[in-house]
Amino acid sequence: MEANKILCVGNWESDVGYAWWLMERFWEAIALRYPGRVTISYKRLGAVSPRLIAAGAQFVEYDFDVNRPLAPFVKQHGFRHLYLTDKPYICTAYARLRMAGVKNIVMHDHMPGERHEPAGIKRLLKAAAARVRPCAADAYIAVSELGMRRFSHSVCLPEERCHLARNGVDMALDIVPTDIRSELGLPSNAVVIVSCGRATRYKGVHHIIEAARRVNAHFVHLGDGPDLESFRRDAPANYHFLGKRSDVAGVLASADIAVHASAGEGLSLAILEFMRAGLPIVLTNSPTVSQSVQDGVSALLYEPGNVGQLTEKLSALVSSASLRASLGAAAKVRAQSYNIDHTVAAVLSVFDRLRV
């Protein structure tokens, strides 16, 4: 059995997609940095990324739930380093894993939304718990500056264990536009408003559906999810749900406007992809959602759940090609600050510091 092995834990099935492509990009880089040492676990093992196979990663089907006994699995495979995503910040399971031979635990936090900031005795207790080393991770990775604030102000983690690897997208991607108007039988001059992500109420798709009844444009949603069929039943004729697509970047390249109505995010990859495509964006002014844009410069913001405001902002963009061009150009420039290459380098630097 090889010693000093690294386990990268996937919380979903291997072929789910969505934001997991980002974690797979990190796993690929780790596998290339540490040849022959990396195994990736998925809750269900189906089709896997050819890039991960080419990088030499191994795969196992295992539900890495901290509420189940994990020590036998870790001992069986000889894992010494764990790379987790969206697991608890502080957990007694980590102490049991260390007793099973785990040396380092890295927790990459993509969890959405804002968190309460404790005060007084509660803050002191949380800070004390975070310093109980066996039950804490050795490194915590945040996807944004707001995530770093969550670490220090809400979770009360020690500063020396907190690291920033700002989410990014591939700025060198060769994108071939998809002729979405032809595919849907729309007029060549139809204004297309696009959204993408998991089809869930948390993402606010039901609010976009309501706005679509009042906006003179065609709406396209990319992505499947538990509420997809319900959304399809409720949507007006100008709303097109295309399900999971492999040509998301191509569809974005042919759209006119993007909309994102989520209640909260870590640092939204969908919004970064909209920006890379040079699309003007309408999105909620929730701090975790709007953190990558500037209102009136690279996007238009509205109050979460306020369908009237959402309708107003979308209608303003539909009626003004010059406004679309101005906001889209600014968004594309801003996207340069979110390069996936920088993100990967930041993640690898955490492993270097831990001497994995």
Protein backbone atom coordinates (compact mmCIF):
# COMPACT_ATOMS: atom_id res chain seq x y z
CA MET A 1 0.00 0.00 0.00
CA GLU A 2 1.33 3.45 -0.90
CA ALA A 3 1.94 5.77 2.05
CA ASN A 4 1.11 9.46 2.30
CA LYS A 5 -1.94 9.25 0.05
CA ILE A 6 -4.31 12.15 -0.60
CA LEU A 7 -8.11 11.80 -0.68
CA CYS A 8 -10.15 14.44 -2.52
CA VAL A 9 -13.78 14.13 -1.44
CA GLY A 10 -16.65 14.76 -3.85
CA ASN A 11 -20.02 15.42 -2.25
CA TRP A 12 -22.03 14.52 -5.37
CA GLU A 13 -22.18 11.87 -8.06
CA SER A 14 -19.25 11.93 -10.48
CA ASP A 15 -21.32 13.06 -13.46
CA VAL A 16 -23.46 15.79 -11.84
CA GLY A 17 -21.49 18.72 -13.26
CA TYR A 18 -22.34 22.33 -12.28
CA ALA A 19 -19.82 23.94 -9.92
CA TRP A 20 -18.11 20.59 -9.37
CA TRP A 21 -16.10 21.25 -12.53
CA LEU A 22 -14.19 23.80 -10.46
CA MET A 23 -13.29 21.29 -7.75
CA GLU A 24 -12.30 18.81 -10.43
CA ARG A 25 -9.93 21.42 -11.83
CA PHE A 26 -8.25 21.62 -8.40
CA TRP A 27 -8.15 17.83 -8.07
CA GLU A 28 -6.50 17.59 -11.48
CA ALA A 29 -3.81 20.06 -10.44
CA ILE A 30 -3.23 18.21 -7.15
CA ALA A 31 -2.97 14.87 -8.97
CA LEU A 32 -0.38 16.33 -11.32
CA ARG A 33 1.56 17.89 -8.42
CA TYR A 34 1.56 14.63 -6.40
CA PRO A 35 1.74 11.77 -8.96
CA GLY A 36 0.37 8.40 -7.87
CA ARG A 37 -0.93 9.70 -4.54
CA VAL A 38 -4.40 11.08 -5.29
CA THR A 39 -7.73 9.26 -4.96
CA ILE A 40 -11.10 10.91 -5.54
CA SER A 41 -14.22 9.63 -3.80
CA TYR A 42 -17.73 10.21 -5.16
CA LYS A 43 -21.09 9.39 -3.57
CA ARG A 44 -21.84 7.49 -6.77
CA LEU A 45 -19.19 6.61 -9.30
CA GLY A 46 -20.30 6.90 -12.91
CA ALA A 47 -18.65 8.74 -15.76
CA VAL A 48 -15.59 10.70 -14.64
CA SER A 49 -13.68 13.59 -16.19
CA PRO A 50 -11.15 12.46 -18.82
CA ARG A 51 -8.85 15.18 -17.50
CA LEU A 52 -8.80 13.53 -14.08
CA ILE A 53 -8.02 10.16 -15.65
CA ALA A 54 -5.21 11.71 -17.68
CA ALA A 55 -3.83 13.33 -14.51
CA GLY A 56 -3.44 9.87 -12.97
CA ALA A 57 -6.11 10.13 -10.26
CA GLN A 58 -7.69 7.00 -8.84
CA PHE A 59 -11.42 6.76 -8.06
CA VAL A 60 -13.60 5.15 -5.43
CA GLU A 61 -17.34 5.17 -4.72
CA TYR A 62 -17.85 6.22 -1.12
CA ASP A 63 -20.23 8.57 0.70
CA PHE A 64 -17.86 10.56 2.91
CA ASP A 65 -20.45 11.62 5.48
CA VAL A 66 -18.91 12.87 8.74
CA ASN A 67 -21.84 11.33 10.64
CA ARG A 68 -20.80 7.81 9.70
CA PRO A 69 -17.70 5.86 10.88
CA LEU A 70 -14.98 6.93 8.43
CA ALA A 71 -11.90 5.53 10.18
CA PRO A 72 -12.07 2.01 8.62
CA PHE A 73 -12.25 3.48 5.10
CA VAL A 74 -9.33 5.84 5.77
CA LYS A 75 -7.21 3.09 7.32
CA GLN A 76 -8.00 0.63 4.51
CA HIS A 77 -6.68 2.99 1.85
CA GLY A 78 -3.88 4.60 3.85
CA PHE A 79 -5.06 8.19 3.39
CA ARG A 80 -2.92 10.78 5.21
CA HIS A 81 -4.28 14.01 3.73
CA LEU A 82 -7.94 14.94 3.16
CA TYR A 83 -9.23 17.67 0.84
CA LEU A 84 -12.87 18.34 1.72
CA THR A 85 -15.51 20.65 0.27
CA ASP A 86 -18.33 22.24 2.28
CA LYS A 87 -17.91 20.03 5.32
CA PRO A 88 -18.21 21.26 8.95
CA TYR A 89 -15.68 23.82 10.11
CA ILE A 90 -15.28 22.13 13.50
CA CYS A 91 -16.16 18.46 13.91
CA THR A 92 -15.39 15.62 16.32
CA ALA A 93 -15.15 13.31 13.29
CA TYR A 94 -11.90 15.09 12.40
CA ALA A 95 -10.37 13.93 15.69
CA ARG A 96 -11.36 10.33 14.94
CA LEU A 97 -9.87 10.63 11.44
CA ARG A 98 -6.60 11.86 12.92
CA MET A 99 -6.55 8.81 15.19
CA ALA A 100 -6.94 6.72 12.02
CA GLY A 101 -3.73 8.24 10.61
CA VAL A 102 -4.84 11.44 8.90
CA LYS A 103 -2.15 14.13 9.13
CA ASN A 104 -3.72 17.09 7.30
CA ILE A 105 -7.31 18.18 6.67
CA VAL A 106 -8.04 20.95 4.16
CA MET A 107 -11.61 22.32 3.99
CA HIS A 108 -12.59 24.37 0.91
CA ASP A 109 -15.69 26.41 1.73
CA HIS A 110 -18.11 27.17 -1.13
CA MET A 111 -21.22 27.38 1.06
CA PRO A 112 -23.60 30.16 0.00
CA GLY A 113 -25.13 33.04 1.89
CA GLU A 114 -24.24 35.22 4.85
CA ARG A 115 -23.66 34.08 8.44
CA HIS A 116 -24.45 35.61 11.82
CA GLU A 117 -21.46 37.14 13.60
CA PRO A 118 -21.47 36.11 17.29
CA ALA A 119 -20.53 38.45 20.11
CA GLY A 120 -19.58 38.24 23.75
CA ILE A 121 -19.37 34.85 25.42
CA LYS A 122 -20.60 33.03 22.31
CA ARG A 123 -17.77 34.49 20.26
CA LEU A 124 -15.20 33.50 22.89
CA LEU A 125 -16.57 29.95 22.98
CA LYS A 126 -16.50 29.63 19.19
CA ALA A 127 -12.93 30.93 19.06
CA ALA A 128 -11.90 28.45 21.75
CA ALA A 129 -13.55 25.56 19.89
CA ALA A 130 -11.74 26.53 16.69
CA ARG A 131 -8.41 26.17 18.50
CA VAL A 132 -9.09 22.59 19.60
CA ARG A 133 -6.72 21.33 16.93
CA PRO A 134 -7.84 17.70 16.60
CA CYS A 135 -11.43 18.78 15.84
CA ALA A 136 -10.51 21.52 13.36
CA ALA A 137 -9.05 21.54 9.87
CA ASP A 138 -5.41 22.41 9.30
CA ALA A 139 -6.34 24.84 6.52
CA TYR A 140 -9.54 26.55 5.43
CA ILE A 141 -9.88 27.92 1.89
CA ALA A 142 -12.34 30.73 1.12
CA VAL A 143 -13.61 31.48 -2.39
CA SER A 144 -13.87 35.24 -1.84
CA GLU A 145 -13.01 38.08 0.50
CA LEU A 146 -16.49 37.74 2.02
CA GLY A 147 -15.66 34.11 2.68
CA MET A 148 -12.51 35.16 4.51
CA ARG A 149 -14.62 37.51 6.62
CA ARG A 150 -16.95 34.62 7.43
CA PHE A 151 -13.96 32.60 8.66
CA SER A 152 -12.76 35.33 11.00
CA HIS A 153 -15.99 37.04 12.10
CA SER A 154 -18.60 34.25 12.06
CA VAL A 155 -16.68 31.00 12.56
CA CYS A 156 -13.90 32.66 14.59
CA LEU A 157 -11.11 30.63 12.99
CA PRO A 158 -7.43 31.40 13.66
CA GLU A 159 -6.10 33.74 10.97
CA GLU A 160 -3.05 31.60 10.24
CA ARG A 161 -5.23 28.70 9.05
CA CYS A 162 -7.35 30.77 6.64
CA HIS A 163 -6.46 31.15 2.95
CA LEU A 164 -8.04 32.90 -0.03
CA ALA A 165 -8.39 31.20 -3.42
CA ARG A 166 -10.86 33.45 -5.20
CA ASN A 167 -13.15 31.53 -7.57
CA GLY A 168 -12.27 31.91 -11.22
CA VAL A 169 -13.14 30.85 -14.76
CA ASP A 170 -11.03 29.84 -17.74
CA MET A 171 -10.23 33.09 -19.52
CA ALA A 172 -8.45 31.28 -22.37
CA LEU A 173 -11.43 29.07 -23.23
CA ASP A 174 -12.05 28.78 -26.98
CA ILE A 175 -15.79 29.49 -27.24
CA VAL A 176 -17.89 28.63 -30.29
CA PRO A 177 -21.24 30.51 -30.12
CA THR A 178 -24.40 28.39 -30.19
CA ASP A 179 -27.12 29.69 -32.51
CA ILE A 180 -29.76 29.49 -29.83
CA ARG A 181 -32.32 31.54 -31.79
CA SER A 182 -32.23 29.11 -34.69
CA GLU A 183 -32.40 26.13 -32.31
CA LEU A 184 -35.52 27.53 -30.63
CA GLY A 185 -37.11 28.87 -33.82
CA LEU A 186 -36.88 32.50 -32.67
CA PRO A 187 -36.56 35.58 -34.89
CA SER A 188 -32.97 36.59 -35.56
CA ASN A 189 -33.55 39.90 -33.75
CA ALA A 190 -35.17 38.36 -30.65
CA VAL A 191 -33.66 39.56 -27.36
CA VAL A 192 -32.48 36.52 -25.37
CA ILE A 193 -32.13 36.64 -21.58
CA VAL A 194 -30.19 33.73 -20.12
CA SER A 195 -29.83 32.20 -16.66
CA CYS A 196 -27.97 29.05 -15.65
CA GLY A 197 -27.53 26.83 -12.62
CA ARG A 198 -29.46 24.31 -10.58
CA ALA A 199 -33.20 24.61 -11.17
CA THR A 200 -34.22 25.27 -7.56
CA ARG A 201 -36.26 27.89 -5.74
CA TYR A 202 -33.14 28.91 -3.79
CA LYS A 203 -31.71 30.14 -7.09
CA GLY A 204 -34.78 32.36 -7.52
CA VAL A 205 -35.87 30.91 -10.86
CA HIS A 206 -39.54 31.29 -9.86
CA HIS A 207 -38.97 35.05 -9.59
CA ILE A 208 -37.49 35.18 -13.09
CA ILE A 209 -40.53 33.26 -14.37
CA GLU A 210 -42.82 35.91 -12.90
CA ALA A 211 -40.78 38.71 -14.47
CA ALA A 212 -40.78 36.93 -17.83
CA ARG A 213 -44.57 37.38 -18.07
CA ARG A 214 -44.00 41.16 -18.22
CA VAL A 215 -40.80 41.47 -20.28
CA ASN A 216 -40.73 41.53 -24.08
CA ALA A 217 -37.92 39.03 -24.56
CA HIS A 218 -37.22 35.30 -24.66
CA PHE A 219 -35.82 33.65 -21.54
CA VAL A 220 -33.49 30.63 -21.59
CA HIS A 221 -32.49 28.61 -18.53
CA LEU A 222 -29.57 26.17 -18.66
CA GLY A 223 -29.43 23.43 -16.04
CA ASP A 224 -31.58 20.78 -14.43
CA GLY A 225 -32.56 20.28 -10.82
CA PRO A 226 -35.32 19.15 -8.46
CA ASP A 227 -37.75 21.95 -9.37
CA LEU A 228 -37.25 21.85 -13.14
CA GLU A 229 -40.55 20.22 -14.07
CA SER A 230 -42.48 22.51 -11.74
CA PHE A 231 -40.83 25.54 -13.33
CA ARG A 232 -41.66 24.26 -16.81
CA ARG A 233 -45.33 23.92 -15.89
CA ASP A 234 -45.48 27.44 -14.46
CA ALA A 235 -43.47 29.23 -17.16
CA PRO A 236 -44.98 31.38 -19.93
CA ALA A 237 -44.43 30.61 -23.61
CA ASN A 238 -41.41 32.91 -23.85
CA TYR A 239 -39.48 30.87 -21.26
CA HIS A 240 -37.34 27.98 -22.53
CA PHE A 241 -35.85 25.42 -20.13
CA LEU A 242 -33.06 23.59 -21.96
CA GLY A 243 -31.86 21.34 -19.13
CA LYS A 244 -28.25 20.36 -18.66
CA ARG A 245 -26.05 21.49 -21.56
CA SER A 246 -22.43 20.93 -22.53
CA ASP A 247 -22.33 24.18 -24.54
CA VAL A 248 -23.15 26.69 -21.78
CA ALA A 249 -20.39 29.09 -22.84
CA GLY A 250 -21.63 28.92 -26.43
CA VAL A 251 -25.19 29.76 -25.43
CA LEU A 252 -23.97 32.68 -23.31
CA ALA A 253 -21.99 33.96 -26.28
CA SER A 254 -25.19 34.24 -28.32
CA ALA A 255 -27.37 35.79 -25.58
CA ASP A 256 -28.04 39.49 -24.96
CA ILE A 257 -28.65 39.70 -21.21
CA ALA A 258 -28.03 37.50 -18.16
CA VAL A 259 -30.07 37.28 -14.96
CA HIS A 260 -29.23 35.68 -11.61
CA ALA A 261 -31.86 35.73 -8.87
CA SER A 262 -30.20 33.58 -6.20
CA ALA A 263 -30.73 34.33 -2.51
CA GLY A 264 -27.05 33.77 -1.76
CA GLU A 265 -23.79 32.41 -3.16
CA GLY A 266 -20.21 31.62 -2.22
CA LEU A 267 -18.79 33.36 -5.27
CA SER A 268 -21.04 32.48 -8.20
CA LEU A 269 -19.34 30.80 -11.15
CA ALA A 270 -22.41 31.47 -13.28
CA ILE A 271 -22.01 35.21 -12.75
CA LEU A 272 -18.30 35.01 -13.60
CA GLU A 273 -19.19 33.15 -16.80
CA PHE A 274 -21.74 35.86 -17.67
CA MET A 275 -19.02 38.46 -17.15
CA ARG A 276 -16.52 36.55 -19.30
CA ALA A 277 -19.13 36.48 -22.08
CA GLY A 278 -19.50 40.27 -21.88
CA LEU A 279 -23.15 40.09 -20.87
CA PRO A 280 -24.97 42.83 -18.96
CA ILE A 281 -26.31 41.19 -15.80
CA VAL A 282 -29.32 41.75 -13.56
CA LEU A 283 -28.87 40.21 -10.13
CA THR A 284 -29.87 40.56 -6.49
CA ASN A 285 -28.06 43.06 -4.30
CA SER A 286 -27.36 40.40 -1.67
CA PRO A 287 -23.68 40.95 -0.78
CA THR A 288 -22.65 37.36 -1.51
CA VAL A 289 -24.37 37.46 -4.91
CA SER A 290 -23.26 40.90 -6.12
CA GLN A 291 -19.70 40.89 -4.77
CA SER A 292 -18.05 40.55 -8.20
CA VAL A 293 -19.93 43.43 -9.90
CA GLN A 294 -20.55 47.16 -9.48
CA ASP A 295 -24.12 48.43 -9.66
CA GLY A 296 -24.70 50.65 -12.67
CA VAL A 297 -21.25 49.92 -14.09
CA SER A 298 -21.08 46.19 -14.83
CA ALA A 299 -24.56 45.10 -13.65
CA LEU A 300 -27.97 46.26 -12.45
CA LEU A 301 -29.01 45.21 -8.94
CA TYR A 302 -32.44 44.74 -7.38
CA GLU A 303 -33.82 43.77 -3.99
CA PRO A 304 -34.07 39.97 -3.55
CA GLY A 305 -37.61 38.75 -4.19
CA ASN A 306 -38.79 42.08 -5.59
CA VAL A 307 -40.21 40.94 -8.93
CA GLY A 308 -41.29 44.47 -9.81
CA GLN A 309 -37.71 45.75 -9.56
CA LEU A 310 -36.42 42.72 -11.45
CA THR A 311 -38.92 43.37 -14.25
CA GLU A 312 -37.93 47.05 -14.37
CA LYS A 313 -34.20 46.31 -14.64
CA LEU A 314 -34.66 43.66 -17.33
CA SER A 315 -36.99 45.89 -19.34
CA ALA A 316 -34.47 48.74 -19.21
CA LEU A 317 -31.82 46.48 -20.76
CA VAL A 318 -34.20 45.06 -23.37
CA SER A 319 -35.06 48.57 -24.56
CA SER A 320 -31.50 49.96 -24.65
CA ALA A 321 -28.81 48.33 -26.77
CA SER A 322 -26.35 51.03 -25.68
CA LEU A 323 -26.89 50.25 -21.99
CA ARG A 324 -26.40 46.55 -22.70
CA ALA A 325 -23.15 47.29 -24.53
CA SER A 326 -21.80 49.54 -21.78
CA LEU A 327 -22.55 47.17 -18.90
CA GLY A 328 -21.37 44.12 -20.85
CA ALA A 329 -18.04 45.71 -21.79
CA ALA A 330 -17.36 46.67 -18.17
CA ALA A 331 -18.28 43.17 -16.98
CA LYS A 332 -15.87 41.59 -19.47
CA VAL A 333 -13.01 43.78 -18.25
CA ARG A 334 -13.83 42.95 -14.64
CA ALA A 335 -13.84 39.22 -15.44
CA GLN A 336 -10.08 39.38 -16.01
CA SER A 337 -9.69 39.59 -12.21
CA TYR A 338 -11.17 36.09 -11.86
CA ASN A 339 -8.74 33.88 -13.75
CA ILE A 340 -8.90 30.17 -12.90
CA ASP A 341 -5.12 29.88 -13.23
CA HIS A 342 -4.69 32.18 -10.23
CA THR A 343 -7.25 30.17 -8.26
CA VAL A 344 -5.47 26.87 -8.92
CA ALA A 345 -2.12 28.38 -7.92
CA ALA A 346 -3.62 29.63 -4.64
CA VAL A 347 -5.04 26.19 -3.80
CA LEU A 348 -1.75 24.45 -4.55
CA SER A 349 0.09 26.94 -2.35
CA VAL A 350 -2.00 25.77 0.62
CA PHE A 351 -0.83 22.19 0.04
CA ASP A 352 2.75 23.42 -0.29
CA ARG A 353 2.54 25.21 3.07
CA LEU A 354 1.28 22.04 4.74
CA ARG A 355 4.16 20.06 3.19
CA VAL A 356 1.75 17.46 1.85
